[in-house]
Amino acid sequence: MTLQACLILGAIVFGAGVFGLVTRRNPIALFLSIELMLTGALINLVAFGRFMPAEGDAQAGTILPLFIIAITACEMAVGLALVVALHRQRGQIDLSELRDLHG
């Protein structure tokens, strides 16, 4: 697999995430779309690390994505907890119906 093929794959995955983010109303689908966008960016980071390694460090392109994956997992857990709390409180999770949450 070449660098160009990896970048195209990352762009396709990122584009699918943007499409899902724009077209969905369900918060869980929005979280999945954000996850797709981050995965597309991570594919590009790993591809650049693999095909253009830093001098003296062959694993430079894989360490940063591991930290990003850990942070994303924590973000998704907190977001899912918020969605569950909203569902328990309001009985619904439709974002268009939850516009009255302003302070």
C-alpha atoms as a PDB file:
ATOM      1  CA  MET A   1       0.000   0.000   0.000  1.00  0.00           C
ATOM      2  CA  THR A   2       1.398   3.378  -0.955  1.00  0.00           C
ATOM      3  CA  LEU A   3       1.205   6.701   0.847  1.00  0.00           C
ATOM      4  CA  GLN A   4      -1.294   8.006  -1.684  1.00  0.00           C
ATOM      5  CA  ALA A   5      -3.614   5.017  -1.145  1.00  0.00           C
ATOM      6  CA  CYS A   6      -3.480   5.508   2.629  1.00  0.00           C
ATOM      7  CA  LEU A   7      -4.257   9.205   2.302  1.00  0.00           C
ATOM      8  CA  ILE A   8      -7.190   8.489   0.003  1.00  0.00           C
ATOM      9  CA  LEU A   9      -8.527   5.905   2.467  1.00  0.00           C
ATOM     10  CA  GLY A  10      -8.190   8.407   5.320  1.00  0.00           C
ATOM     11  CA  ALA A  11      -9.981  11.078   3.298  1.00  0.00           C
ATOM     12  CA  ILE A  12     -12.849   8.703   2.455  1.00  0.00           C
ATOM     13  CA  VAL A  13     -13.304   7.709   6.109  1.00  0.00           C
ATOM     14  CA  PHE A  14     -13.108  11.349   7.193  1.00  0.00           C
ATOM     15  CA  GLY A  15     -15.641  12.339   4.524  1.00  0.00           C
ATOM     16  CA  ALA A  16     -18.039   9.620   5.690  1.00  0.00           C
ATOM     17  CA  GLY A  17     -17.767  11.036   9.206  1.00  0.00           C
ATOM     18  CA  VAL A  18     -18.492  14.580   8.011  1.00  0.00           C
ATOM     19  CA  PHE A  19     -21.501  13.344   6.039  1.00  0.00           C
ATOM     20  CA  GLY A  20     -22.841  11.520   9.089  1.00  0.00           C
ATOM     21  CA  LEU A  21     -22.257  14.561  11.298  1.00  0.00           C
ATOM     22  CA  VAL A  22     -24.192  16.835   8.944  1.00  0.00           C
ATOM     23  CA  THR A  23     -27.119  14.511   8.236  1.00  0.00           C
ATOM     24  CA  ARG A  24     -27.841  12.848  11.602  1.00  0.00           C
ATOM     25  CA  ARG A  25     -29.917  14.049  14.566  1.00  0.00           C
ATOM     26  CA  ASN A  26     -29.349  11.175  16.974  1.00  0.00           C
ATOM     27  CA  PRO A  27     -26.545  11.963  19.472  1.00  0.00           C
ATOM     28  CA  ILE A  28     -25.177   8.419  19.343  1.00  0.00           C
ATOM     29  CA  ALA A  29     -24.919   8.625  15.545  1.00  0.00           C
ATOM     30  CA  LEU A  30     -23.172  11.988  15.970  1.00  0.00           C
ATOM     31  CA  PHE A  31     -20.636  10.416  18.315  1.00  0.00           C
ATOM     32  CA  LEU A  32     -20.018   7.635  15.813  1.00  0.00           C
ATOM     33  CA  SER A  33     -19.538  10.208  13.055  1.00  0.00           C
ATOM     34  CA  ILE A  34     -17.000  12.097  15.166  1.00  0.00           C
ATOM     35  CA  GLU A  35     -15.230   8.802  15.791  1.00  0.00           C
ATOM     36  CA  LEU A  36     -15.079   8.182  12.031  1.00  0.00           C
ATOM     37  CA  MET A  37     -13.575  11.628  11.482  1.00  0.00           C
ATOM     38  CA  LEU A  38     -10.904  11.002  14.116  1.00  0.00           C
ATOM     39  CA  THR A  39     -10.168   7.584  12.624  1.00  0.00           C
ATOM     40  CA  GLY A  40      -9.621   9.152   9.205  1.00  0.00           C
ATOM     41  CA  ALA A  41      -7.170  11.630  10.705  1.00  0.00           C
ATOM     42  CA  LEU A  42      -5.396   8.817  12.561  1.00  0.00           C
ATOM     43  CA  ILE A  43      -5.021   6.809   9.346  1.00  0.00           C
ATOM     44  CA  ASN A  44      -3.241   9.800   7.834  1.00  0.00           C
ATOM     45  CA  LEU A  45      -0.992  10.230  10.884  1.00  0.00           C
ATOM     46  CA  VAL A  46       0.033   6.579  10.838  1.00  0.00           C
ATOM     47  CA  ALA A  47       0.586   6.692   7.065  1.00  0.00           C
ATOM     48  CA  PHE A  48       2.885   9.700   7.351  1.00  0.00           C
ATOM     49  CA  GLY A  49       4.719   8.049  10.229  1.00  0.00           C
ATOM     50  CA  ARG A  50       5.176   4.878   8.206  1.00  0.00           C
ATOM     51  CA  PHE A  51       6.248   6.399   4.910  1.00  0.00           C
ATOM     52  CA  MET A  52       8.086   9.475   6.214  1.00  0.00           C
ATOM     53  CA  PRO A  53       9.634   8.491   9.549  1.00  0.00           C
ATOM     54  CA  ALA A  54      11.452  11.048  11.683  1.00  0.00           C
ATOM     55  CA  GLU A  55      15.207  10.770  11.902  1.00  0.00           C
ATOM     56  CA  GLY A  56      16.208   8.220  14.507  1.00  0.00           C
ATOM     57  CA  ASP A  57      12.644   7.383  15.555  1.00  0.00           C
ATOM     58  CA  ALA A  58      10.836   4.727  13.553  1.00  0.00           C
ATOM     59  CA  GLN A  59       7.761   4.726  15.836  1.00  0.00           C
ATOM     60  CA  ALA A  60       7.005   8.452  15.770  1.00  0.00           C
ATOM     61  CA  GLY A  61       3.887   7.991  13.657  1.00  0.00           C
ATOM     62  CA  THR A  62       2.334   5.392  15.957  1.00  0.00           C
ATOM     63  CA  ILE A  63       2.814   6.909  19.414  1.00  0.00           C
ATOM     64  CA  LEU A  64       0.666  10.018  18.879  1.00  0.00           C
ATOM     65  CA  PRO A  65      -2.310   8.068  17.472  1.00  0.00           C
ATOM     66  CA  LEU A  66      -2.261   5.782  20.513  1.00  0.00           C
ATOM     67  CA  PHE A  67      -2.677   8.792  22.796  1.00  0.00           C
ATOM     68  CA  ILE A  68      -5.408  10.189  20.554  1.00  0.00           C
ATOM     69  CA  ILE A  69      -7.267   6.853  20.612  1.00  0.00           C
ATOM     70  CA  ALA A  70      -7.142   6.798  24.430  1.00  0.00           C
ATOM     71  CA  ILE A  71      -8.422  10.381  24.688  1.00  0.00           C
ATOM     72  CA  THR A  72     -11.172   9.661  22.156  1.00  0.00           C
ATOM     73  CA  ALA A  73     -12.313   6.603  24.104  1.00  0.00           C
ATOM     74  CA  CYS A  74     -12.610   8.724  27.250  1.00  0.00           C
ATOM     75  CA  GLU A  75     -14.494  11.429  25.332  1.00  0.00           C
ATOM     76  CA  MET A  76     -16.955   8.913  23.939  1.00  0.00           C
ATOM     77  CA  ALA A  77     -17.546   7.413  27.389  1.00  0.00           C
ATOM     78  CA  VAL A  78     -18.372  10.840  28.849  1.00  0.00           C
ATOM     79  CA  GLY A  79     -20.596  11.696  25.878  1.00  0.00           C
ATOM     80  CA  LEU A  80     -22.471   8.415  26.167  1.00  0.00           C
ATOM     81  CA  ALA A  81     -22.962   9.021  29.904  1.00  0.00           C
ATOM     82  CA  LEU A  82     -24.463  12.432  29.089  1.00  0.00           C
ATOM     83  CA  VAL A  83     -26.803  10.897  26.529  1.00  0.00           C
ATOM     84  CA  VAL A  84     -27.948   8.255  29.027  1.00  0.00           C
ATOM     85  CA  ALA A  85     -28.518  10.937  31.688  1.00  0.00           C
ATOM     86  CA  LEU A  86     -30.551  13.034  29.229  1.00  0.00           C
ATOM     87  CA  HIS A  87     -32.611  10.017  28.267  1.00  0.00           C
ATOM     88  CA  ARG A  88     -33.344   9.218  31.902  1.00  0.00           C
ATOM     89  CA  GLN A  89     -34.280  12.814  32.691  1.00  0.00           C
ATOM     90  CA  ARG A  90     -36.261  13.733  29.554  1.00  0.00           C
ATOM     91  CA  GLY A  91     -37.290  10.386  28.115  1.00  0.00           C
ATOM     92  CA  GLN A  92     -35.902  11.307  24.684  1.00  0.00           C
ATOM     93  CA  ILE A  93     -32.558  11.954  23.040  1.00  0.00           C
ATOM     94  CA  ASP A  94     -33.619  13.813  19.897  1.00  0.00           C
ATOM     95  CA  LEU A  95     -31.409  16.886  19.594  1.00  0.00           C
ATOM     96  CA  SER A  96     -34.057  19.018  17.923  1.00  0.00           C
ATOM     97  CA  GLU A  97     -36.313  18.574  20.968  1.00  0.00           C
ATOM     98  CA  LEU A  98     -33.587  19.448  23.479  1.00  0.00           C
ATOM     99  CA  ARG A  99     -33.136  23.098  22.492  1.00  0.00           C
ATOM    100  CA  ASP A 100     -34.367  24.378  25.859  1.00  0.00           C
ATOM    101  CA  LEU A 101     -31.215  23.373  27.768  1.00  0.00           C
ATOM    102  CA  HIS A 102     -29.836  26.922  27.755  1.00  0.00           C
ATOM    103  CA  GLY A 103     -28.674  28.255  31.115  1.00  0.00           C
END
